[in-house]
Amino acid sequence: MKHTRTTAALMSALVTLALTLSPPAHAAAIGSAYPGMTIIQGKSKCTLAYIDTIQRIGYSAGHCNTSTIVTDEDRNLIGIVTDSQDNRAGNTHTRADDVVIDYETISINPNVNITDMLGPTLNHPIVTQQGLTPRPGMHVCHLGATTACSCGDIDMIYDGWFTMKTDTMTSEHGDSGGPVYTYTDAAGDSPVIVGILRGLHGNNVAAVSWPDTLRYAAHPK
């Protein structure tokens, strides 16, 4: 009987200790992340392009990576950069025959609420569509944290990147990394991502191709 009481007391103590040491099942969320939001990295202010909500991976422009720590405007930790490429870093000019790779992937903090809804209205998710590639004349929009939404047509396609006509498209500091998207019959009201905004190429707004970005991200150097 004494042995039974001792064993029971020991088991009770172990359970109590385990409960004491275990983290809470649902830690409080700190901040939120969505496509089109402002992100801060060191001295860079950029825009988040896309979130893979299953893997909790965010995408933005690689030239935004002046710090691997990514926060929102309130300095809440959004996540950490896990891969970044910017093969045109340090080059002041990009020629038509240049290959452009400019993206980063961000592992999003488990305590951050995430959504694939395009902000700031969060009315429709931004989605991917297999086989869809940027092409000349495609009507697209881009969403930047600084200039908000502007739309126009794709002008030229290059290796890994493309430019958009200047008549209605705008880009300012802070827009880099934002989503460039179009609409298709298959996706209905949901915007379909086709690129990540890079900034200005001369007088034209430029972006890296989303299909190429996924290809490079699948085989990071």
N, C-alpha and C. Protein backbone atom coordinates (compact mmCIF):
# COMPACT_ATOMS: atom_id res chain seq x y z
N MET A 1 0.83 -1.20 0.00
CA MET A 1 0.00 0.00 0.00
C MET A 1 0.87 1.26 0.00
N LYS A 2 1.95 1.21 0.84
CA LYS A 2 2.85 2.35 0.91
C LYS A 2 3.49 2.59 -0.44
N HIS A 3 3.89 1.49 -1.14
CA HIS A 3 4.52 1.61 -2.46
C HIS A 3 3.55 2.23 -3.47
N THR A 4 2.27 1.83 -3.37
CA THR A 4 1.25 2.37 -4.28
C THR A 4 1.07 3.86 -4.07
N ARG A 5 1.01 4.26 -2.77
CA ARG A 5 0.85 5.70 -2.47
C ARG A 5 2.05 6.49 -2.95
N THR A 6 3.25 5.92 -2.79
CA THR A 6 4.47 6.61 -3.22
C THR A 6 4.50 6.79 -4.73
N THR A 7 4.11 5.74 -5.45
CA THR A 7 4.08 5.79 -6.92
C THR A 7 3.07 6.82 -7.41
N ALA A 8 1.90 6.82 -6.77
CA ALA A 8 0.86 7.78 -7.15
C ALA A 8 1.31 9.21 -6.92
N ALA A 9 1.99 9.43 -5.81
CA ALA A 9 2.47 10.78 -5.49
C ALA A 9 3.53 11.22 -6.49
N LEU A 10 4.41 10.27 -6.88
CA LEU A 10 5.46 10.59 -7.84
C LEU A 10 4.87 10.93 -9.20
N MET A 11 3.87 10.13 -9.64
CA MET A 11 3.23 10.40 -10.92
C MET A 11 2.54 11.75 -10.93
N SER A 12 1.88 12.08 -9.81
CA SER A 12 1.20 13.37 -9.70
C SER A 12 2.20 14.51 -9.79
N ALA A 13 3.37 14.35 -9.15
CA ALA A 13 4.40 15.39 -9.18
C ALA A 13 4.94 15.57 -10.59
N LEU A 14 5.14 14.45 -11.33
CA LEU A 14 5.65 14.53 -12.69
C LEU A 14 4.68 15.22 -13.63
N VAL A 15 3.39 14.92 -13.47
CA VAL A 15 2.36 15.57 -14.29
C VAL A 15 2.35 17.07 -14.03
N THR A 16 2.42 17.44 -12.74
CA THR A 16 2.43 18.86 -12.37
C THR A 16 3.64 19.56 -12.97
N LEU A 17 4.82 18.91 -12.92
CA LEU A 17 6.04 19.50 -13.47
C LEU A 17 5.92 19.67 -14.98
N ALA A 18 5.37 18.65 -15.65
CA ALA A 18 5.21 18.73 -17.11
C ALA A 18 4.31 19.87 -17.52
N LEU A 19 3.21 20.04 -16.77
CA LEU A 19 2.29 21.13 -17.07
C LEU A 19 2.94 22.48 -16.84
N THR A 20 3.80 22.54 -15.83
CA THR A 20 4.48 23.80 -15.51
C THR A 20 5.47 24.18 -16.60
N LEU A 21 6.18 23.17 -17.14
CA LEU A 21 7.23 23.46 -18.12
C LEU A 21 6.70 23.60 -19.54
N SER A 22 5.53 23.05 -19.83
CA SER A 22 5.00 23.08 -21.19
C SER A 22 4.57 24.49 -21.57
N PRO A 23 4.85 24.91 -22.84
CA PRO A 23 4.38 26.22 -23.30
C PRO A 23 2.88 26.21 -23.47
N PRO A 24 2.22 27.36 -23.44
CA PRO A 24 0.78 27.40 -23.64
C PRO A 24 0.41 26.88 -25.01
N ALA A 25 -0.73 26.22 -25.10
CA ALA A 25 -1.15 25.62 -26.37
C ALA A 25 -1.37 26.67 -27.43
N HIS A 26 -1.85 27.85 -27.07
CA HIS A 26 -2.13 28.91 -28.04
C HIS A 26 -1.51 30.22 -27.53
N ALA A 27 -0.27 30.47 -27.98
CA ALA A 27 0.39 31.71 -27.58
C ALA A 27 -0.31 32.89 -28.25
N ALA A 28 -0.32 34.03 -27.60
CA ALA A 28 -0.99 35.21 -28.12
C ALA A 28 -0.33 35.66 -29.42
N ALA A 29 -1.14 35.98 -30.41
CA ALA A 29 -0.63 36.44 -31.70
C ALA A 29 -0.10 37.86 -31.57
N ILE A 30 1.00 38.14 -32.26
CA ILE A 30 1.59 39.47 -32.25
C ILE A 30 1.68 39.93 -33.70
N GLY A 31 0.82 40.85 -34.08
CA GLY A 31 0.84 41.37 -35.44
C GLY A 31 0.17 40.44 -36.42
N SER A 32 0.13 40.89 -37.68
CA SER A 32 -0.48 40.11 -38.75
C SER A 32 0.31 40.34 -40.03
N ALA A 33 0.17 39.40 -40.96
CA ALA A 33 0.87 39.50 -42.23
C ALA A 33 -0.09 39.19 -43.37
N TYR A 34 -0.03 40.00 -44.43
CA TYR A 34 -0.88 39.79 -45.59
C TYR A 34 -0.20 40.39 -46.82
N PRO A 35 -0.49 39.89 -48.01
CA PRO A 35 0.08 40.46 -49.23
C PRO A 35 -0.33 41.93 -49.39
N GLY A 36 0.65 42.76 -49.72
CA GLY A 36 0.40 44.18 -49.90
C GLY A 36 0.74 45.03 -48.69
N MET A 37 1.16 44.41 -47.58
CA MET A 37 1.49 45.17 -46.37
C MET A 37 2.91 45.71 -46.42
N THR A 38 3.17 46.74 -45.64
CA THR A 38 4.52 47.27 -45.49
C THR A 38 5.35 46.35 -44.62
N ILE A 39 6.58 46.08 -45.06
CA ILE A 39 7.54 45.36 -44.22
C ILE A 39 8.80 46.21 -44.10
N ILE A 40 9.44 46.10 -42.95
CA ILE A 40 10.66 46.85 -42.66
C ILE A 40 11.80 45.87 -42.45
N GLN A 41 12.91 46.12 -43.13
CA GLN A 41 14.11 45.30 -42.97
C GLN A 41 15.31 46.23 -42.87
N GLY A 42 15.83 46.42 -41.68
CA GLY A 42 16.96 47.33 -41.54
C GLY A 42 16.60 48.71 -42.06
N LYS A 43 17.31 49.17 -43.08
CA LYS A 43 17.04 50.49 -43.66
C LYS A 43 16.05 50.43 -44.81
N SER A 44 15.51 49.25 -45.09
CA SER A 44 14.60 49.10 -46.24
C SER A 44 13.14 49.09 -45.80
N LYS A 45 12.32 49.82 -46.55
CA LYS A 45 10.87 49.73 -46.44
C LYS A 45 10.38 49.15 -47.75
N CYS A 46 9.66 48.03 -47.68
CA CYS A 46 9.19 47.35 -48.88
C CYS A 46 7.77 46.86 -48.69
N THR A 47 7.31 46.04 -49.62
CA THR A 47 5.95 45.51 -49.61
C THR A 47 6.01 43.99 -49.70
N LEU A 48 5.13 43.33 -49.00
CA LEU A 48 5.04 41.87 -49.07
C LEU A 48 4.19 41.46 -50.27
N ALA A 49 4.70 40.53 -51.10
CA ALA A 49 4.03 40.18 -52.35
C ALA A 49 3.03 39.05 -52.18
N TYR A 50 3.42 38.02 -51.45
CA TYR A 50 2.61 36.80 -51.44
C TYR A 50 2.92 36.03 -50.17
N ILE A 51 1.93 35.27 -49.68
CA ILE A 51 2.14 34.39 -48.54
C ILE A 51 1.65 32.98 -48.88
N ASP A 52 2.55 32.02 -48.75
CA ASP A 52 2.16 30.61 -48.81
C ASP A 52 1.68 30.27 -47.40
N THR A 53 0.36 30.21 -47.22
CA THR A 53 -0.19 30.07 -45.87
C THR A 53 0.00 28.66 -45.30
N ILE A 54 0.27 27.68 -46.15
CA ILE A 54 0.50 26.33 -45.65
C ILE A 54 1.91 26.21 -45.06
N GLN A 55 2.89 26.71 -45.80
CA GLN A 55 4.27 26.65 -45.32
C GLN A 55 4.67 27.86 -44.50
N ARG A 56 3.79 28.87 -44.43
CA ARG A 56 4.06 30.12 -43.70
C ARG A 56 5.33 30.79 -44.24
N ILE A 57 5.36 30.93 -45.56
CA ILE A 57 6.49 31.58 -46.22
C ILE A 57 5.99 32.80 -46.97
N GLY A 58 6.61 33.94 -46.72
CA GLY A 58 6.30 35.17 -47.43
C GLY A 58 7.33 35.44 -48.51
N TYR A 59 6.91 36.17 -49.55
CA TYR A 59 7.80 36.52 -50.66
C TYR A 59 7.84 38.04 -50.83
N SER A 60 9.03 38.54 -51.11
CA SER A 60 9.20 39.95 -51.43
C SER A 60 10.42 40.07 -52.34
N ALA A 61 10.90 41.30 -52.55
CA ALA A 61 12.05 41.52 -53.43
C ALA A 61 13.36 41.28 -52.69
N GLY A 62 14.32 40.67 -53.38
CA GLY A 62 15.60 40.37 -52.76
C GLY A 62 16.40 41.61 -52.39
N HIS A 63 16.24 42.70 -53.16
CA HIS A 63 17.03 43.89 -52.85
C HIS A 63 16.53 44.61 -51.58
N CYS A 64 15.41 44.11 -51.02
CA CYS A 64 14.93 44.66 -49.75
C CYS A 64 15.72 44.11 -48.57
N ASN A 65 16.52 43.08 -48.79
CA ASN A 65 17.16 42.35 -47.72
C ASN A 65 18.41 43.06 -47.18
N THR A 66 18.20 44.21 -46.54
CA THR A 66 19.30 44.88 -45.84
C THR A 66 19.40 44.40 -44.40
N SER A 67 18.44 43.59 -43.98
CA SER A 67 18.47 42.91 -42.69
C SER A 67 17.62 41.66 -42.81
N THR A 68 18.07 40.56 -42.20
CA THR A 68 17.29 39.32 -42.28
C THR A 68 16.10 39.34 -41.34
N ILE A 69 16.05 40.33 -40.44
CA ILE A 69 14.91 40.46 -39.53
C ILE A 69 13.84 41.32 -40.20
N VAL A 70 12.63 40.77 -40.30
CA VAL A 70 11.53 41.46 -40.98
C VAL A 70 10.46 41.82 -39.97
N THR A 71 10.08 43.10 -39.94
CA THR A 71 9.05 43.56 -39.01
C THR A 71 7.96 44.30 -39.77
N ASP A 72 6.86 44.58 -39.06
CA ASP A 72 5.85 45.48 -39.63
C ASP A 72 6.18 46.91 -39.22
N GLU A 73 5.31 47.85 -39.54
CA GLU A 73 5.60 49.25 -39.23
C GLU A 73 5.61 49.54 -37.74
N ASP A 74 4.97 48.67 -36.95
CA ASP A 74 4.99 48.83 -35.50
C ASP A 74 6.13 48.08 -34.86
N ARG A 75 7.05 47.56 -35.69
CA ARG A 75 8.23 46.83 -35.24
C ARG A 75 7.89 45.49 -34.60
N ASN A 76 6.71 44.96 -34.89
CA ASN A 76 6.42 43.58 -34.50
C ASN A 76 7.19 42.64 -35.42
N LEU A 77 7.79 41.61 -34.86
CA LEU A 77 8.55 40.67 -35.67
C LEU A 77 7.62 39.87 -36.56
N ILE A 78 7.81 40.00 -37.87
CA ILE A 78 7.02 39.24 -38.84
C ILE A 78 7.70 37.91 -39.16
N GLY A 79 9.01 37.96 -39.34
CA GLY A 79 9.72 36.73 -39.64
C GLY A 79 11.18 36.96 -39.94
N ILE A 80 11.83 35.90 -40.45
CA ILE A 80 13.25 35.91 -40.74
C ILE A 80 13.47 35.48 -42.19
N VAL A 81 14.36 36.19 -42.89
CA VAL A 81 14.67 35.83 -44.28
C VAL A 81 15.41 34.50 -44.31
N THR A 82 14.91 33.57 -45.12
CA THR A 82 15.55 32.25 -45.24
C THR A 82 16.31 32.09 -46.54
N ASP A 83 15.97 32.87 -47.55
CA ASP A 83 16.68 32.83 -48.83
C ASP A 83 16.51 34.17 -49.51
N SER A 84 17.58 34.66 -50.13
CA SER A 84 17.51 35.95 -50.80
C SER A 84 18.49 35.95 -51.96
N GLN A 85 18.00 36.41 -53.13
CA GLN A 85 18.86 36.57 -54.29
C GLN A 85 18.57 37.90 -54.97
N ASP A 86 19.65 38.59 -55.32
CA ASP A 86 19.56 39.84 -56.09
C ASP A 86 20.80 39.89 -56.96
N ASN A 87 20.71 39.30 -58.15
CA ASN A 87 21.90 39.18 -58.98
C ASN A 87 22.28 40.47 -59.68
N ARG A 88 21.47 41.52 -59.52
CA ARG A 88 21.79 42.82 -60.11
C ARG A 88 22.25 43.82 -59.07
N ALA A 89 22.53 43.35 -57.87
CA ALA A 89 23.00 44.24 -56.80
C ALA A 89 24.28 44.95 -57.23
N GLY A 90 24.30 46.27 -57.05
CA GLY A 90 25.47 47.05 -57.40
C GLY A 90 25.50 47.52 -58.85
N ASN A 91 24.58 47.04 -59.66
CA ASN A 91 24.50 47.47 -61.06
C ASN A 91 23.51 48.61 -61.20
N THR A 92 23.93 49.68 -61.78
CA THR A 92 23.05 50.84 -61.94
C THR A 92 22.17 50.73 -63.17
N HIS A 93 22.53 49.86 -64.11
CA HIS A 93 21.75 49.72 -65.34
C HIS A 93 21.51 48.24 -65.61
N THR A 94 20.32 47.94 -66.12
CA THR A 94 19.99 46.58 -66.54
C THR A 94 19.68 46.60 -68.03
N ARG A 95 20.38 45.76 -68.77
CA ARG A 95 20.20 45.72 -70.22
C ARG A 95 19.14 44.68 -70.57
N ALA A 96 18.65 44.80 -71.80
CA ALA A 96 17.57 43.92 -72.25
C ALA A 96 17.98 42.45 -72.24
N ASP A 97 19.29 42.16 -72.40
CA ASP A 97 19.74 40.77 -72.44
C ASP A 97 20.20 40.25 -71.08
N ASP A 98 20.02 41.05 -70.03
CA ASP A 98 20.41 40.61 -68.69
C ASP A 98 19.35 39.72 -68.06
N VAL A 99 19.81 38.68 -67.39
CA VAL A 99 18.92 37.87 -66.56
C VAL A 99 18.75 38.59 -65.23
N VAL A 100 17.52 38.65 -64.72
CA VAL A 100 17.27 39.32 -63.43
C VAL A 100 16.65 38.32 -62.46
N ILE A 101 17.30 38.17 -61.31
CA ILE A 101 16.77 37.38 -60.19
C ILE A 101 16.71 38.32 -58.99
N ASP A 102 15.55 38.50 -58.41
CA ASP A 102 15.41 39.48 -57.33
C ASP A 102 14.23 39.07 -56.44
N TYR A 103 14.50 38.22 -55.46
CA TYR A 103 13.42 37.77 -54.57
C TYR A 103 14.00 37.41 -53.21
N GLU A 104 13.14 37.32 -52.22
CA GLU A 104 13.50 36.77 -50.92
C GLU A 104 12.32 35.96 -50.39
N THR A 105 12.64 34.96 -49.58
CA THR A 105 11.61 34.20 -48.89
C THR A 105 11.75 34.45 -47.40
N ILE A 106 10.62 34.56 -46.73
CA ILE A 106 10.58 34.92 -45.31
C ILE A 106 9.83 33.85 -44.54
N SER A 107 10.48 33.26 -43.55
CA SER A 107 9.80 32.32 -42.66
C SER A 107 9.04 33.15 -41.63
N ILE A 108 7.71 33.03 -41.64
CA ILE A 108 6.89 33.91 -40.82
C ILE A 108 6.75 33.37 -39.40
N ASN A 109 6.92 34.26 -38.44
CA ASN A 109 6.85 33.95 -37.02
C ASN A 109 5.55 33.21 -36.68
N PRO A 110 5.62 32.10 -35.93
CA PRO A 110 4.41 31.35 -35.58
C PRO A 110 3.35 32.16 -34.82
N ASN A 111 3.77 33.24 -34.16
CA ASN A 111 2.82 34.06 -33.39
C ASN A 111 2.12 35.12 -34.24
N VAL A 112 2.42 35.16 -35.53
CA VAL A 112 1.84 36.18 -36.41
C VAL A 112 0.61 35.60 -37.11
N ASN A 113 -0.48 36.33 -37.09
CA ASN A 113 -1.67 35.95 -37.86
C ASN A 113 -1.39 36.16 -39.34
N ILE A 114 -1.66 35.16 -40.17
CA ILE A 114 -1.40 35.29 -41.60
C ILE A 114 -2.68 35.08 -42.41
N THR A 115 -2.70 35.68 -43.57
CA THR A 115 -3.79 35.47 -44.52
C THR A 115 -3.24 35.65 -45.92
N ASP A 116 -3.90 35.02 -46.89
CA ASP A 116 -3.53 35.24 -48.29
C ASP A 116 -4.43 36.29 -48.94
N MET A 117 -5.28 36.94 -48.15
CA MET A 117 -6.14 37.99 -48.67
C MET A 117 -5.31 39.23 -49.00
N LEU A 118 -5.55 39.80 -50.16
CA LEU A 118 -4.80 40.96 -50.60
C LEU A 118 -5.25 42.18 -49.82
N GLY A 119 -4.30 42.83 -49.15
CA GLY A 119 -4.62 43.99 -48.34
C GLY A 119 -4.61 45.28 -49.14
N PRO A 120 -5.05 46.36 -48.52
CA PRO A 120 -5.53 46.41 -47.13
C PRO A 120 -7.01 46.06 -46.97
N THR A 121 -7.74 45.87 -48.10
CA THR A 121 -9.17 45.60 -47.97
C THR A 121 -9.46 44.16 -47.57
N LEU A 122 -8.56 43.24 -47.93
CA LEU A 122 -8.69 41.83 -47.55
C LEU A 122 -10.02 41.22 -48.04
N ASN A 123 -10.40 41.57 -49.26
CA ASN A 123 -11.65 41.06 -49.82
C ASN A 123 -11.48 39.75 -50.59
N HIS A 124 -10.32 39.59 -51.26
CA HIS A 124 -10.10 38.41 -52.08
C HIS A 124 -8.68 37.90 -51.88
N PRO A 125 -8.50 36.57 -51.90
CA PRO A 125 -7.14 36.02 -51.79
C PRO A 125 -6.37 36.25 -53.08
N ILE A 126 -5.06 36.46 -52.96
CA ILE A 126 -4.22 36.48 -54.14
C ILE A 126 -3.72 35.05 -54.34
N VAL A 127 -3.90 34.52 -55.54
CA VAL A 127 -3.68 33.10 -55.78
C VAL A 127 -2.63 32.91 -56.87
N THR A 128 -2.19 31.66 -57.03
CA THR A 128 -1.34 31.29 -58.14
C THR A 128 -2.17 30.48 -59.13
N GLN A 129 -1.76 30.51 -60.39
CA GLN A 129 -2.44 29.73 -61.41
C GLN A 129 -1.39 29.04 -62.27
N GLN A 130 -1.37 27.72 -62.20
CA GLN A 130 -0.36 26.96 -62.91
C GLN A 130 -0.41 27.22 -64.40
N GLY A 131 0.76 27.45 -64.98
CA GLY A 131 0.87 27.67 -66.42
C GLY A 131 0.72 29.11 -66.85
N LEU A 132 0.29 29.98 -65.94
CA LEU A 132 0.11 31.39 -66.30
C LEU A 132 1.45 32.11 -66.22
N THR A 133 1.83 32.75 -67.30
CA THR A 133 3.09 33.49 -67.35
C THR A 133 2.83 34.90 -67.85
N PRO A 134 3.67 35.87 -67.47
CA PRO A 134 3.51 37.23 -68.00
C PRO A 134 3.69 37.23 -69.52
N ARG A 135 2.94 38.06 -70.19
CA ARG A 135 3.07 38.16 -71.64
C ARG A 135 2.77 39.60 -72.07
N PRO A 136 3.34 40.04 -73.18
CA PRO A 136 3.08 41.41 -73.65
C PRO A 136 1.60 41.66 -73.86
N GLY A 137 1.13 42.81 -73.40
CA GLY A 137 -0.27 43.18 -73.55
C GLY A 137 -1.16 42.72 -72.41
N MET A 138 -0.65 41.84 -71.54
CA MET A 138 -1.46 41.39 -70.40
C MET A 138 -1.77 42.57 -69.48
N HIS A 139 -3.03 42.73 -69.12
CA HIS A 139 -3.42 43.81 -68.22
C HIS A 139 -3.13 43.37 -66.77
N VAL A 140 -2.35 44.16 -66.09
CA VAL A 140 -1.93 43.81 -64.74
C VAL A 140 -2.09 45.01 -63.81
N CYS A 141 -2.08 44.72 -62.53
CA CYS A 141 -2.06 45.76 -61.50
C CYS A 141 -0.92 45.45 -60.54
N HIS A 142 -0.44 46.46 -59.85
CA HIS A 142 0.50 46.20 -58.77
C HIS A 142 0.05 46.97 -57.54
N LEU A 143 0.34 46.39 -56.39
CA LEU A 143 -0.04 47.00 -55.13
C LEU A 143 1.22 47.29 -54.33
N GLY A 144 1.45 48.57 -54.07
CA GLY A 144 2.62 48.97 -53.30
C GLY A 144 2.21 49.66 -52.02
N ALA A 145 3.00 49.50 -50.98
CA ALA A 145 2.68 50.09 -49.68
C ALA A 145 2.70 51.61 -49.73
N THR A 146 3.41 52.19 -50.71
CA THR A 146 3.50 53.65 -50.81
C THR A 146 2.44 54.23 -51.74
N THR A 147 2.36 53.71 -52.97
CA THR A 147 1.47 54.30 -53.98
C THR A 147 0.14 53.58 -54.11
N ALA A 148 -0.06 52.53 -53.31
CA ALA A 148 -1.30 51.73 -53.37
C ALA A 148 -1.40 51.03 -54.72
N CYS A 149 -2.61 50.98 -55.30
CA CYS A 149 -2.83 50.17 -56.51
C CYS A 149 -2.80 51.02 -57.77
N SER A 150 -2.10 50.53 -58.78
CA SER A 150 -2.16 51.13 -60.11
C SER A 150 -2.10 50.01 -61.15
N CYS A 151 -2.69 50.26 -62.30
CA CYS A 151 -2.84 49.19 -63.30
C CYS A 151 -2.37 49.68 -64.68
N GLY A 152 -2.03 48.73 -65.52
CA GLY A 152 -1.61 49.02 -66.88
C GLY A 152 -1.33 47.73 -67.63
N ASP A 153 -0.64 47.82 -68.74
CA ASP A 153 -0.36 46.65 -69.57
C ASP A 153 1.13 46.32 -69.57
N ILE A 154 1.44 45.02 -69.63
CA ILE A 154 2.83 44.60 -69.76
C ILE A 154 3.35 45.04 -71.13
N ASP A 155 4.55 45.59 -71.11
CA ASP A 155 5.16 46.12 -72.33
C ASP A 155 6.11 45.09 -72.95
N MET A 156 7.18 44.76 -72.24
CA MET A 156 8.20 43.86 -72.78
C MET A 156 8.50 42.74 -71.79
N ILE A 157 8.84 41.56 -72.33
CA ILE A 157 9.22 40.40 -71.53
C ILE A 157 10.70 40.13 -71.76
N TYR A 158 11.43 39.96 -70.66
CA TYR A 158 12.86 39.65 -70.73
C TYR A 158 13.12 38.34 -69.97
N ASP A 159 14.39 38.05 -69.73
CA ASP A 159 14.76 36.80 -69.08
C ASP A 159 14.60 36.94 -67.56
N GLY A 160 13.44 36.46 -67.06
CA GLY A 160 13.19 36.50 -65.62
C GLY A 160 12.49 37.76 -65.16
N TRP A 161 12.24 38.70 -66.07
CA TRP A 161 11.62 39.96 -65.66
C TRP A 161 10.83 40.56 -66.82
N PHE A 162 10.05 41.59 -66.49
CA PHE A 162 9.26 42.27 -67.51
C PHE A 162 9.02 43.71 -67.10
N THR A 163 8.63 44.52 -68.08
CA THR A 163 8.32 45.92 -67.81
C THR A 163 6.87 46.21 -68.18
N MET A 164 6.34 47.26 -67.57
CA MET A 164 4.97 47.67 -67.81
C MET A 164 4.94 49.09 -68.36
N LYS A 165 3.96 49.38 -69.16
CA LYS A 165 3.86 50.70 -69.80
C LYS A 165 3.69 51.78 -68.74
N THR A 166 4.18 52.95 -69.07
CA THR A 166 4.27 54.02 -68.08
C THR A 166 3.02 54.88 -67.96
N ASP A 167 2.04 54.67 -68.83
CA ASP A 167 0.93 55.62 -68.87
C ASP A 167 0.13 55.66 -67.57
N THR A 168 -0.06 54.51 -66.93
CA THR A 168 -0.87 54.51 -65.70
C THR A 168 -0.20 53.81 -64.53
N MET A 169 0.95 53.19 -64.74
CA MET A 169 1.64 52.49 -63.66
C MET A 169 2.57 53.43 -62.91
N THR A 170 2.60 53.29 -61.59
CA THR A 170 3.46 54.13 -60.75
C THR A 170 4.28 53.26 -59.82
N SER A 171 5.39 53.81 -59.36
CA SER A 171 6.23 53.10 -58.39
C SER A 171 7.08 54.11 -57.64
N GLU A 172 7.09 53.98 -56.31
CA GLU A 172 7.89 54.85 -55.46
C GLU A 172 8.60 54.00 -54.42
N HIS A 173 9.49 54.65 -53.66
CA HIS A 173 10.19 53.95 -52.59
C HIS A 173 9.19 53.33 -51.62
N GLY A 174 9.38 52.06 -51.31
CA GLY A 174 8.47 51.34 -50.42
C GLY A 174 7.55 50.39 -51.17
N ASP A 175 7.41 50.59 -52.50
CA ASP A 175 6.58 49.70 -53.30
C ASP A 175 7.30 48.40 -53.67
N SER A 176 8.63 48.42 -53.64
CA SER A 176 9.40 47.24 -54.05
C SER A 176 8.95 46.00 -53.29
N GLY A 177 8.88 44.90 -54.00
CA GLY A 177 8.48 43.64 -53.39
C GLY A 177 7.00 43.37 -53.43
N GLY A 178 6.21 44.35 -53.87
CA GLY A 178 4.76 44.18 -53.89
C GLY A 178 4.30 43.26 -55.01
N PRO A 179 3.06 42.76 -54.91
CA PRO A 179 2.55 41.84 -55.91
C PRO A 179 2.15 42.54 -57.21
N VAL A 180 2.47 41.91 -58.33
CA VAL A 180 1.95 42.29 -59.64
C VAL A 180 1.00 41.17 -60.03
N TYR A 181 -0.23 41.51 -60.36
CA TYR A 181 -1.24 40.48 -60.55
C TYR A 181 -2.18 40.82 -61.70
N THR A 182 -2.90 39.78 -62.15
CA THR A 182 -3.89 39.93 -63.21
C THR A 182 -5.15 39.18 -62.80
N TYR A 183 -6.14 39.19 -63.67
CA TYR A 183 -7.38 38.46 -63.41
C TYR A 183 -7.63 37.51 -64.57
N THR A 184 -8.12 36.31 -64.26
CA THR A 184 -8.41 35.31 -65.29
C THR A 184 -9.80 34.73 -65.05
N ASP A 185 -10.35 34.12 -66.09
CA ASP A 185 -11.65 33.48 -65.96
C ASP A 185 -11.60 32.35 -64.93
N ALA A 186 -10.47 31.64 -64.91
CA ALA A 186 -10.35 30.50 -63.99
C ALA A 186 -10.36 30.93 -62.53
N ALA A 187 -9.76 32.10 -62.24
CA ALA A 187 -9.65 32.56 -60.85
C ALA A 187 -10.81 33.46 -60.44
N GLY A 188 -11.61 33.90 -61.38
CA GLY A 188 -12.75 34.74 -61.05
C GLY A 188 -12.34 36.07 -60.43
N ASP A 189 -12.89 36.36 -59.24
CA ASP A 189 -12.61 37.63 -58.57
C ASP A 189 -11.27 37.65 -57.84
N SER A 190 -10.59 36.52 -57.81
CA SER A 190 -9.31 36.46 -57.08
C SER A 190 -8.17 36.90 -57.98
N PRO A 191 -7.35 37.86 -57.53
CA PRO A 191 -6.18 38.26 -58.31
C PRO A 191 -5.17 37.12 -58.39
N VAL A 192 -4.52 36.98 -59.54
CA VAL A 192 -3.53 35.93 -59.77
C VAL A 192 -2.15 36.58 -59.88
N ILE A 193 -1.22 36.17 -59.04
CA ILE A 193 0.10 36.79 -59.04
C ILE A 193 0.88 36.37 -60.28
N VAL A 194 1.51 37.35 -60.93
CA VAL A 194 2.36 37.09 -62.10
C VAL A 194 3.77 37.65 -61.91
N GLY A 195 3.99 38.43 -60.85
CA GLY A 195 5.31 39.00 -60.64
C GLY A 195 5.47 39.66 -59.29
N ILE A 196 6.72 40.03 -59.00
CA ILE A 196 7.07 40.79 -57.79
C ILE A 196 7.70 42.09 -58.25
N LEU A 197 7.15 43.20 -57.78
CA LEU A 197 7.61 44.51 -58.23
C LEU A 197 9.08 44.74 -57.86
N ARG A 198 9.82 45.25 -58.84
CA ARG A 198 11.24 45.55 -58.63
C ARG A 198 11.50 47.04 -58.52
N GLY A 199 10.72 47.85 -59.23
CA GLY A 199 10.93 49.29 -59.21
C GLY A 199 10.91 49.83 -60.63
N LEU A 200 11.66 50.90 -60.87
CA LEU A 200 11.68 51.52 -62.18
C LEU A 200 12.85 51.02 -63.01
N HIS A 201 12.57 50.80 -64.29
CA HIS A 201 13.60 50.50 -65.28
C HIS A 201 13.51 51.62 -66.31
N GLY A 202 14.36 52.62 -66.14
CA GLY A 202 14.19 53.84 -66.93
C GLY A 202 12.90 54.51 -66.52
N ASN A 203 12.00 54.69 -67.48
CA ASN A 203 10.70 55.28 -67.18
C ASN A 203 9.61 54.24 -66.99
N ASN A 204 9.98 52.97 -67.12
CA ASN A 204 9.00 51.89 -67.01
C ASN A 204 9.06 51.21 -65.65
N VAL A 205 7.91 50.77 -65.17
CA VAL A 205 7.86 49.97 -63.95
C VAL A 205 8.25 48.54 -64.31
N ALA A 206 9.12 47.93 -63.50
CA ALA A 206 9.64 46.60 -63.78
C ALA A 206 9.32 45.64 -62.64
N ALA A 207 9.22 44.36 -63.00
CA ALA A 207 8.94 43.31 -62.02
C ALA A 207 9.67 42.05 -62.43
N VAL A 208 9.95 41.19 -61.45
CA VAL A 208 10.47 39.87 -61.78
C VAL A 208 9.30 38.91 -61.95
N SER A 209 9.49 37.94 -62.82
CA SER A 209 8.43 36.99 -63.15
C SER A 209 8.18 36.04 -61.99
N TRP A 210 6.90 35.83 -61.65
CA TRP A 210 6.56 34.91 -60.56
C TRP A 210 6.94 33.46 -60.89
N PRO A 211 6.65 32.93 -62.09
CA PRO A 211 7.07 31.56 -62.38
C PRO A 211 8.58 31.38 -62.26
N ASP A 212 9.36 32.36 -62.73
CA ASP A 212 10.81 32.26 -62.61
C ASP A 212 11.25 32.35 -61.15
N THR A 213 10.59 33.20 -60.38
CA THR A 213 10.91 33.32 -58.96
C THR A 213 10.72 31.98 -58.25
N LEU A 214 9.59 31.32 -58.52
CA LEU A 214 9.35 30.01 -57.89
C LEU A 214 10.41 28.99 -58.32
N ARG A 215 10.84 29.08 -59.57
CA ARG A 215 11.87 28.14 -60.06
C ARG A 215 13.19 28.37 -59.35
N TYR A 216 13.57 29.62 -59.17
CA TYR A 216 14.82 29.91 -58.47
C TYR A 216 14.73 29.56 -56.99
N ALA A 217 13.56 29.85 -56.39
CA ALA A 217 13.39 29.59 -54.96
C ALA A 217 13.40 28.09 -54.66
N ALA A 218 12.99 27.29 -55.63
CA ALA A 218 12.98 25.84 -55.44
C ALA A 218 14.40 25.26 -55.44
N HIS A 219 15.33 26.01 -56.00
CA HIS A 219 16.73 25.57 -56.04
C HIS A 219 17.65 26.72 -55.63
N PRO A 220 17.54 27.15 -54.35
CA PRO A 220 18.33 28.29 -53.90
C PRO A 220 19.82 27.97 -53.94
N LYS A 221 20.61 29.01 -54.23
CA LYS A 221 22.08 28.83 -54.28
C LYS A 221 22.66 28.94 -52.88
